[in-house]
Amino acid sequence: IDMIELAGLGIAMGNGSDTLKSAADFVTKKSGEDGIE
């Protein structure tokens, strides 16, 4: 959480926790679904 809040663009993986997702700028797909891409 502190890492993605610090970054100019914080991205939570779709498999991430709800708390992390609420802190992110963007919620992507799960890591197993090519969420980074």
PDB file of all heavy atoms in Angstrom:
ATOM      1  N   ILE A   1       0.826  -1.215   0.000  1.00  0.00           N
ATOM      2  CA  ILE A   1       0.000   0.000   0.000  1.00  0.00           C
ATOM      3  C   ILE A   1       0.857   1.261   0.000  1.00  0.00           C
ATOM      4  O   ILE A   1       0.641   2.174  -0.807  1.00  0.00           O
ATOM      5  CB  ILE A   1      -0.969   0.000   1.204  1.00  0.00           C
ATOM      6  CG1 ILE A   1      -2.026  -1.085   1.030  1.00  0.00           C
ATOM      7  CG2 ILE A   1      -1.648   1.368   1.338  1.00  0.00           C
ATOM      8  CD1 ILE A   1      -2.950  -1.258   2.224  1.00  0.00           C
ATOM      9  N   ASP A   2       1.824   1.335   0.893  1.00  0.00           N
ATOM     10  CA  ASP A   2       2.649   2.548   0.958  1.00  0.00           C
ATOM     11  C   ASP A   2       3.440   2.749  -0.332  1.00  0.00           C
ATOM     12  O   ASP A   2       3.703   3.881  -0.744  1.00  0.00           O
ATOM     13  CB  ASP A   2       3.592   2.493   2.157  1.00  0.00           C
ATOM     14  CG  ASP A   2       4.581   1.336   2.092  1.00  0.00           C
ATOM     15  OD1 ASP A   2       4.133   0.181   1.988  1.00  0.00           O
ATOM     16  OD2 ASP A   2       5.794   1.591   2.137  1.00  0.00           O
ATOM     17  N   MET A   3       3.798   1.652  -0.991  1.00  0.00           N
ATOM     18  CA  MET A   3       4.544   1.720  -2.245  1.00  0.00           C
ATOM     19  C   MET A   3       3.697   2.312  -3.364  1.00  0.00           C
ATOM     20  O   MET A   3       4.136   3.215  -4.081  1.00  0.00           O
ATOM     21  CB  MET A   3       5.027   0.312  -2.620  1.00  0.00           C
ATOM     22  CG  MET A   3       5.697   0.216  -3.962  1.00  0.00           C
ATOM     23  SD  MET A   3       6.418  -1.419  -4.281  1.00  0.00           S
ATOM     24  CE  MET A   3       4.960  -2.368  -4.716  1.00  0.00           C
ATOM     25  N   ILE A   4       2.465   1.833  -3.509  1.00  0.00           N
ATOM     26  CA  ILE A   4       1.655   2.345  -4.613  1.00  0.00           C
ATOM     27  C   ILE A   4       1.124   3.746  -4.320  1.00  0.00           C
ATOM     28  O   ILE A   4       0.829   4.506  -5.240  1.00  0.00           O
ATOM     29  CB  ILE A   4       0.505   1.382  -4.990  1.00  0.00           C
ATOM     30  CG1 ILE A   4      -0.541   1.290  -3.897  1.00  0.00           C
ATOM     31  CG2 ILE A   4       1.031   0.009  -5.359  1.00  0.00           C
ATOM     32  CD1 ILE A   4      -1.805   0.618  -4.351  1.00  0.00           C
ATOM     33  N   GLU A   5       1.031   4.095  -3.038  1.00  0.00           N
ATOM     34  CA  GLU A   5       0.626   5.469  -2.698  1.00  0.00           C
ATOM     35  C   GLU A   5       1.748   6.456  -2.984  1.00  0.00           C
ATOM     36  O   GLU A   5       1.496   7.608  -3.351  1.00  0.00           O
ATOM     37  CB  GLU A   5       0.216   5.553  -1.234  1.00  0.00           C
ATOM     38  CG  GLU A   5      -1.117   4.898  -0.932  1.00  0.00           C
ATOM     39  CD  GLU A   5      -1.522   5.021   0.518  1.00  0.00           C
ATOM     40  OE1 GLU A   5      -0.619   5.131   1.386  1.00  0.00           O
ATOM     41  OE2 GLU A   5      -2.738   4.994   0.800  1.00  0.00           O
ATOM     42  N   LEU A   6       2.983   6.019  -2.829  1.00  0.00           N
ATOM     43  CA  LEU A   6       4.133   6.890  -3.082  1.00  0.00           C
ATOM     44  C   LEU A   6       4.345   7.151  -4.568  1.00  0.00           C
ATOM     45  O   LEU A   6       4.690   8.261  -4.975  1.00  0.00           O
ATOM     46  CB  LEU A   6       5.392   6.256  -2.485  1.00  0.00           C
ATOM     47  CG  LEU A   6       6.719   6.969  -2.779  1.00  0.00           C
ATOM     48  CD1 LEU A   6       6.749   8.351  -2.139  1.00  0.00           C
ATOM     49  CD2 LEU A   6       7.892   6.124  -2.291  1.00  0.00           C
ATOM     50  N   ALA A   7       4.127   6.137  -5.383  1.00  0.00           N
ATOM     51  CA  ALA A   7       4.402   6.248  -6.822  1.00  0.00           C
ATOM     52  C   ALA A   7       3.443   7.225  -7.505  1.00  0.00           C
ATOM     53  O   ALA A   7       2.308   7.418  -7.063  1.00  0.00           O
ATOM     54  CB  ALA A   7       4.292   4.877  -7.470  1.00  0.00           C
ATOM     55  N   GLY A   8       3.923   7.802  -8.586  1.00  0.00           N
ATOM     56  CA  GLY A   8       3.067   8.683  -9.372  1.00  0.00           C
ATOM     57  C   GLY A   8       1.867   7.943  -9.932  1.00  0.00           C
ATOM     58  O   GLY A   8       0.782   8.511 -10.086  1.00  0.00           O
ATOM     59  N   LEU A   9       2.048   6.660 -10.233  1.00  0.00           N
ATOM     60  CA  LEU A   9       0.965   5.811 -10.711  1.00  0.00           C
ATOM     61  C   LEU A   9       1.015   4.497  -9.941  1.00  0.00           C
ATOM     62  O   LEU A   9       1.934   3.705 -10.110  1.00  0.00           O
ATOM     63  CB  LEU A   9       1.107   5.551 -12.216  1.00  0.00           C
ATOM     64  CG  LEU A   9       0.081   4.611 -12.860  1.00  0.00           C
ATOM     65  CD1 LEU A   9      -1.339   5.137 -12.669  1.00  0.00           C
ATOM     66  CD2 LEU A   9       0.392   4.415 -14.355  1.00  0.00           C
ATOM     67  N   GLY A  10       0.035   4.281  -9.083  1.00  0.00           N
ATOM     68  CA  GLY A  10      -0.026   3.075  -8.269  1.00  0.00           C
ATOM     69  C   GLY A  10      -1.083   2.126  -8.798  1.00  0.00           C
ATOM     70  O   GLY A  10      -2.252   2.499  -8.916  1.00  0.00           O
ATOM     71  N   ILE A  11      -0.669   0.897  -9.113  1.00  0.00           N
ATOM     72  CA  ILE A  11      -1.565  -0.071  -9.751  1.00  0.00           C
ATOM     73  C   ILE A  11      -1.716  -1.312  -8.873  1.00  0.00           C
ATOM     74  O   ILE A  11      -0.729  -1.927  -8.472  1.00  0.00           O
ATOM     75  CB  ILE A  11      -1.039  -0.467 -11.138  1.00  0.00           C
ATOM     76  CG1 ILE A  11      -0.975   0.786 -12.045  1.00  0.00           C
ATOM     77  CG2 ILE A  11      -1.921  -1.545 -11.774  1.00  0.00           C
ATOM     78  CD1 ILE A  11      -0.273   0.560 -13.356  1.00  0.00           C
ATOM     79  N   ALA A  12      -2.974  -1.664  -8.585  1.00  0.00           N
ATOM     80  CA  ALA A  12      -3.274  -2.863  -7.803  1.00  0.00           C
ATOM     81  C   ALA A  12      -3.643  -3.995  -8.741  1.00  0.00           C
ATOM     82  O   ALA A  12      -4.406  -3.811  -9.696  1.00  0.00           O
ATOM     83  CB  ALA A  12      -4.427  -2.585  -6.838  1.00  0.00           C
ATOM     84  N   MET A  13      -3.108  -5.172  -8.478  1.00  0.00           N
ATOM     85  CA  MET A  13      -3.473  -6.339  -9.258  1.00  0.00           C
ATOM     86  C   MET A  13      -4.900  -6.761  -8.910  1.00  0.00           C
ATOM     87  O   MET A  13      -5.362  -6.571  -7.781  1.00  0.00           O
ATOM     88  CB  MET A  13      -2.507  -7.493  -8.975  1.00  0.00           C
ATOM     89  CG  MET A  13      -1.030  -7.150  -9.171  1.00  0.00           C
ATOM     90  SD  MET A  13      -0.647  -6.486 -10.809  1.00  0.00           S
ATOM     91  CE  MET A  13      -0.968  -7.934 -11.837  1.00  0.00           C
ATOM     92  N   GLY A  14      -5.584  -7.381  -9.869  1.00  0.00           N
ATOM     93  CA  GLY A  14      -6.951  -7.821  -9.652  1.00  0.00           C
ATOM     94  C   GLY A  14      -7.078  -8.849  -8.549  1.00  0.00           C
ATOM     95  O   GLY A  14      -8.142  -9.001  -7.941  1.00  0.00           O
ATOM     96  N   ASN A  15      -5.976  -9.567  -8.265  1.00  0.00           N
ATOM     97  CA  ASN A  15      -5.966 -10.547  -7.177  1.00  0.00           C
ATOM     98  C   ASN A  15      -5.554  -9.926  -5.851  1.00  0.00           C
ATOM     99  O   ASN A  15      -5.375 -10.619  -4.855  1.00  0.00           O
ATOM    100  CB  ASN A  15      -5.020 -11.700  -7.506  1.00  0.00           C
ATOM    101  CG  ASN A  15      -3.651 -11.231  -7.982  1.00  0.00           C
ATOM    102  OD1 ASN A  15      -3.511 -10.821  -9.134  1.00  0.00           O
ATOM    103  ND2 ASN A  15      -2.664 -11.283  -7.119  1.00  0.00           N
ATOM    104  N   GLY A  16      -5.419  -8.602  -5.825  1.00  0.00           N
ATOM    105  CA  GLY A  16      -4.990  -7.915  -4.617  1.00  0.00           C
ATOM    106  C   GLY A  16      -6.089  -7.770  -3.581  1.00  0.00           C
ATOM    107  O   GLY A  16      -7.265  -8.047  -3.841  1.00  0.00           O
ATOM    108  N   SER A  17      -5.710  -7.295  -2.403  1.00  0.00           N
ATOM    109  CA  SER A  17      -6.670  -7.101  -1.319  1.00  0.00           C
ATOM    110  C   SER A  17      -7.542  -5.878  -1.603  1.00  0.00           C
ATOM    111  O   SER A  17      -7.159  -4.963  -2.337  1.00  0.00           O
ATOM    112  CB  SER A  17      -5.938  -6.901   0.003  1.00  0.00           C
ATOM    113  OG  SER A  17      -5.301  -5.627   0.043  1.00  0.00           O
ATOM    114  N   ASP A  18      -8.712  -5.847  -0.996  1.00  0.00           N
ATOM    115  CA  ASP A  18      -9.624  -4.717  -1.176  1.00  0.00           C
ATOM    116  C   ASP A  18      -9.018  -3.432  -0.640  1.00  0.00           C
ATOM    117  O   ASP A  18      -9.210  -2.358  -1.213  1.00  0.00           O
ATOM    118  CB  ASP A  18     -10.954  -4.996  -0.477  1.00  0.00           C
ATOM    119  CG  ASP A  18     -11.763  -6.080  -1.168  1.00  0.00           C
ATOM    120  OD1 ASP A  18     -11.511  -6.328  -2.366  1.00  0.00           O
ATOM    121  OD2 ASP A  18     -12.629  -6.684  -0.516  1.00  0.00           O
ATOM    122  N   THR A  19      -8.275  -3.524   0.447  1.00  0.00           N
ATOM    123  CA  THR A  19      -7.642  -2.330   1.027  1.00  0.00           C
ATOM    124  C   THR A  19      -6.625  -1.744   0.063  1.00  0.00           C
ATOM    125  O   THR A  19      -6.552  -0.519  -0.121  1.00  0.00           O
ATOM    126  CB  THR A  19      -6.949  -2.682   2.356  1.00  0.00           C
ATOM    127  OG1 THR A  19      -7.875  -3.334   3.223  1.00  0.00           O
ATOM    128  CG2 THR A  19      -6.436  -1.433   3.039  1.00  0.00           C
ATOM    129  N   LEU A  20      -5.856  -2.611  -0.568  1.00  0.00           N
ATOM    130  CA  LEU A  20      -4.877  -2.147  -1.556  1.00  0.00           C
ATOM    131  C   LEU A  20      -5.581  -1.512  -2.744  1.00  0.00           C
ATOM    132  O   LEU A  20      -5.186  -0.434  -3.209  1.00  0.00           O
ATOM    133  CB  LEU A  20      -4.013  -3.317  -2.025  1.00  0.00           C
ATOM    134  CG  LEU A  20      -2.997  -2.973  -3.128  1.00  0.00           C
ATOM    135  CD1 LEU A  20      -1.783  -2.283  -2.530  1.00  0.00           C
ATOM    136  CD2 LEU A  20      -2.576  -4.212  -3.885  1.00  0.00           C
ATOM    137  N   LYS A  21      -6.620  -2.154  -3.223  1.00  0.00           N
ATOM    138  CA  LYS A  21      -7.336  -1.638  -4.390  1.00  0.00           C
ATOM    139  C   LYS A  21      -7.902  -0.244  -4.129  1.00  0.00           C
ATOM    140  O   LYS A  21      -7.896   0.618  -5.015  1.00  0.00           O
ATOM    141  CB  LYS A  21      -8.456  -2.602  -4.790  1.00  0.00           C
ATOM    142  CG  LYS A  21      -7.961  -3.911  -5.383  1.00  0.00           C
ATOM    143  CD  LYS A  21      -9.115  -4.873  -5.648  1.00  0.00           C
ATOM    144  CE  LYS A  21      -8.632  -6.196  -6.210  1.00  0.00           C
ATOM    145  NZ  LYS A  21      -9.727  -7.161  -6.416  1.00  0.00           N
ATOM    146  N   SER A  22      -8.374  -0.022  -2.911  1.00  0.00           N
ATOM    147  CA  SER A  22      -8.954   1.289  -2.595  1.00  0.00           C
ATOM    148  C   SER A  22      -7.894   2.383  -2.547  1.00  0.00           C
ATOM    149  O   SER A  22      -8.205   3.564  -2.694  1.00  0.00           O
ATOM    150  CB  SER A  22      -9.697   1.222  -1.253  1.00  0.00           C
ATOM    151  OG  SER A  22      -8.799   1.001  -0.179  1.00  0.00           O
ATOM    152  N   ALA A  23      -6.629   1.993  -2.372  1.00  0.00           N
ATOM    153  CA  ALA A  23      -5.538   2.967  -2.319  1.00  0.00           C
ATOM    154  C   ALA A  23      -4.899   3.214  -3.690  1.00  0.00           C
ATOM    155  O   ALA A  23      -4.122   4.161  -3.855  1.00  0.00           O
ATOM    156  CB  ALA A  23      -4.464   2.488  -1.346  1.00  0.00           C
ATOM    157  N   ALA A  24      -5.234   2.374  -4.662  1.00  0.00           N
ATOM    158  CA  ALA A  24      -4.582   2.423  -5.976  1.00  0.00           C
ATOM    159  C   ALA A  24      -5.203   3.464  -6.893  1.00  0.00           C
ATOM    160  O   ALA A  24      -6.366   3.852  -6.739  1.00  0.00           O
ATOM    161  CB  ALA A  24      -4.648   1.049  -6.632  1.00  0.00           C
ATOM    162  N   ASP A  25      -4.413   3.897  -7.871  1.00  0.00           N
ATOM    163  CA  ASP A  25      -4.924   4.781  -8.918  1.00  0.00           C
ATOM    164  C   ASP A  25      -5.688   3.986  -9.965  1.00  0.00           C
ATOM    165  O   ASP A  25      -6.556   4.521 -10.647  1.00  0.00           O
ATOM    166  CB  ASP A  25      -3.750   5.519  -9.604  1.00  0.00           C
ATOM    167  CG  ASP A  25      -2.987   6.403  -8.641  1.00  0.00           C
ATOM    168  OD1 ASP A  25      -3.630   7.253  -7.988  1.00  0.00           O
ATOM    169  OD2 ASP A  25      -1.766   6.225  -8.518  1.00  0.00           O
ATOM    170  N   PHE A  26      -5.330   2.703 -10.076  1.00  0.00           N
ATOM    171  CA  PHE A  26      -5.937   1.856 -11.109  1.00  0.00           C
ATOM    172  C   PHE A  26      -5.883   0.408 -10.644  1.00  0.00           C
ATOM    173  O   PHE A  26      -4.895  -0.030 -10.055  1.00  0.00           O
ATOM    174  CB  PHE A  26      -5.160   2.008 -12.423  1.00  0.00           C
ATOM    175  CG  PHE A  26      -5.717   1.221 -13.574  1.00  0.00           C
ATOM    176  CD1 PHE A  26      -6.861   1.637 -14.231  1.00  0.00           C
ATOM    177  CD2 PHE A  26      -5.077   0.067 -14.017  1.00  0.00           C
ATOM    178  CE1 PHE A  26      -7.381   0.910 -15.307  1.00  0.00           C
ATOM    179  CE2 PHE A  26      -5.580  -0.659 -15.093  1.00  0.00           C
ATOM    180  CZ  PHE A  26      -6.738  -0.231 -15.735  1.00  0.00           C
ATOM    181  N   VAL A  27      -6.968  -0.317 -10.897  1.00  0.00           N
ATOM    182  CA  VAL A  27      -7.007  -1.754 -10.586  1.00  0.00           C
ATOM    183  C   VAL A  27      -7.005  -2.510 -11.900  1.00  0.00           C
ATOM    184  O   VAL A  27      -7.891  -2.323 -12.744  1.00  0.00           O
ATOM    185  CB  VAL A  27      -8.249  -2.131  -9.759  1.00  0.00           C
ATOM    186  CG1 VAL A  27      -8.265  -3.633  -9.507  1.00  0.00           C
ATOM    187  CG2 VAL A  27      -8.271  -1.358  -8.440  1.00  0.00           C
ATOM    188  N   THR A  28      -6.013  -3.338 -12.089  1.00  0.00           N
ATOM    189  CA  THR A  28      -5.869  -4.075 -13.335  1.00  0.00           C
ATOM    190  C   THR A  28      -6.406  -5.503 -13.172  1.00  0.00           C
ATOM    191  O   THR A  28      -7.019  -5.841 -12.168  1.00  0.00           O
ATOM    192  CB  THR A  28      -4.397  -4.085 -13.789  1.00  0.00           C
ATOM    193  OG1 THR A  28      -4.320  -4.652 -15.106  1.00  0.00           O
ATOM    194  CG2 THR A  28      -3.506  -4.865 -12.835  1.00  0.00           C
ATOM    195  N   LYS A  29      -6.177  -6.335 -14.151  1.00  0.00           N
ATOM    196  CA  LYS A  29      -6.591  -7.733 -14.074  1.00  0.00           C
ATOM    197  C   LYS A  29      -5.669  -8.500 -13.133  1.00  0.00           C
ATOM    198  O   LYS A  29      -4.641  -7.986 -12.687  1.00  0.00           O
ATOM    199  CB  LYS A  29      -6.556  -8.364 -15.474  1.00  0.00           C
ATOM    200  CG  LYS A  29      -7.544  -7.751 -16.466  1.00  0.00           C
ATOM    201  CD  LYS A  29      -7.434  -8.437 -17.830  1.00  0.00           C
ATOM    202  CE  LYS A  29      -8.408  -7.863 -18.841  1.00  0.00           C
ATOM    203  NZ  LYS A  29      -8.299  -8.537 -20.166  1.00  0.00           N
ATOM    204  N   LYS A  30      -5.998  -9.736 -12.857  1.00  0.00           N
ATOM    205  CA  LYS A  30      -5.180 -10.580 -11.991  1.00  0.00           C
ATOM    206  C   LYS A  30      -3.827 -10.845 -12.651  1.00  0.00           C
ATOM    207  O   LYS A  30      -3.702 -10.785 -13.877  1.00  0.00           O
ATOM    208  CB  LYS A  30      -5.896 -11.892 -11.694  1.00  0.00           C
ATOM    209  CG  LYS A  30      -7.183 -11.719 -10.890  1.00  0.00           C
ATOM    210  CD  LYS A  30      -7.857 -13.061 -10.659  1.00  0.00           C
ATOM    211  CE  LYS A  30      -9.147 -12.882  -9.850  1.00  0.00           C
ATOM    212  NZ  LYS A  30      -9.827 -14.175  -9.596  1.00  0.00           N
ATOM    213  N   SER A  31      -2.831 -11.168 -11.816  1.00  0.00           N
ATOM    214  CA  SER A  31      -1.499 -11.422 -12.371  1.00  0.00           C
ATOM    215  C   SER A  31      -1.510 -12.605 -13.322  1.00  0.00           C
ATOM    216  O   SER A  31      -0.775 -12.629 -14.312  1.00  0.00           O
ATOM    217  CB  SER A  31      -0.486 -11.656 -11.245  1.00  0.00           C
ATOM    218  OG  SER A  31      -0.832 -12.787 -10.472  1.00  0.00           O
ATOM    219  N   GLY A  32      -2.361 -13.603 -13.043  1.00  0.00           N
ATOM    220  CA  GLY A  32      -2.461 -14.763 -13.918  1.00  0.00           C
ATOM    221  C   GLY A  32      -3.255 -14.510 -15.174  1.00  0.00           C
ATOM    222  O   GLY A  32      -3.381 -15.388 -16.041  1.00  0.00           O
ATOM    223  N   GLU A  33      -3.788 -13.291 -15.309  1.00  0.00           N
ATOM    224  CA  GLU A  33      -4.563 -12.897 -16.498  1.00  0.00           C
ATOM    225  C   GLU A  33      -3.864 -11.757 -17.237  1.00  0.00           C
ATOM    226  O   GLU A  33      -4.511 -10.933 -17.881  1.00  0.00           O
ATOM    227  CB  GLU A  33      -5.972 -12.477 -16.079  1.00  0.00           C
ATOM    228  CG  GLU A  33      -6.766 -13.589 -15.402  1.00  0.00           C
ATOM    229  CD  GLU A  33      -8.072 -13.108 -14.787  1.00  0.00           C
ATOM    230  OE1 GLU A  33      -8.295 -11.863 -14.736  1.00  0.00           O
ATOM    231  OE2 GLU A  33      -8.872 -13.960 -14.353  1.00  0.00           O
ATOM    232  N   ASP A  34      -2.534 -11.706 -17.129  1.00  0.00           N
ATOM    233  CA  ASP A  34      -1.716 -10.679 -17.789  1.00  0.00           C
ATOM    234  C   ASP A  34      -2.116  -9.268 -17.354  1.00  0.00           C
ATOM    235  O   ASP A  34      -2.199  -8.337 -18.158  1.00  0.00           O
ATOM    236  CB  ASP A  34      -1.809 -10.815 -19.314  1.00  0.00           C
ATOM    237  CG  ASP A  34      -1.256 -12.134 -19.812  1.00  0.00           C
ATOM    238  OD1 ASP A  34      -0.249 -12.611 -19.231  1.00  0.00           O
ATOM    239  OD2 ASP A  34      -1.832 -12.716 -20.742  1.00  0.00           O
ATOM    240  N   GLY A  35      -2.320  -9.114 -16.051  1.00  0.00           N
ATOM    241  CA  GLY A  35      -2.716  -7.822 -15.514  1.00  0.00           C
ATOM    242  C   GLY A  35      -1.688  -6.725 -15.706  1.00  0.00           C
ATOM    243  O   GLY A  35      -2.045  -5.553 -15.886  1.00  0.00           O
ATOM    244  N   ILE A  36      -0.401  -7.088 -15.671  1.00  0.00           N
ATOM    245  CA  ILE A  36       0.639  -6.076 -15.876  1.00  0.00           C
ATOM    246  C   ILE A  36       0.542  -5.505 -17.288  1.00  0.00           C
ATOM    247  O   ILE A  36       0.554  -4.282 -17.487  1.00  0.00           O
ATOM    248  CB  ILE A  36       2.038  -6.679 -15.619  1.00  0.00           C
ATOM    249  CG1 ILE A  36       2.207  -6.992 -14.132  1.00  0.00           C
ATOM    250  CG2 ILE A  36       3.131  -5.720 -16.094  1.00  0.00           C
ATOM    251  CD1 ILE A  36       3.492  -7.723 -13.791  1.00  0.00           C
ATOM    252  N   GLU A  37       0.432  -6.381 -18.271  1.00  0.00           N
ATOM    253  CA  GLU A  37       0.309  -5.933 -19.666  1.00  0.00           C
ATOM    254  C   GLU A  37      -0.936  -5.071 -19.859  1.00  0.00           C
ATOM    255  O   GLU A  37      -0.891  -4.021 -20.512  1.00  0.00           O
ATOM    256  CB  GLU A  37       0.254  -7.136 -20.598  1.00  0.00           C
ATOM    257  CG  GLU A  37       0.111  -6.737 -22.072  1.00  0.00           C
ATOM    258  CD  GLU A  37      -0.118  -7.928 -22.972  1.00  0.00           C
ATOM    259  OE1 GLU A  37      -0.946  -8.792 -22.619  1.00  0.00           O
ATOM    260  OE2 GLU A  37       0.527  -7.999 -24.037  1.00  0.00           O
TER     261      GLU A  37
END
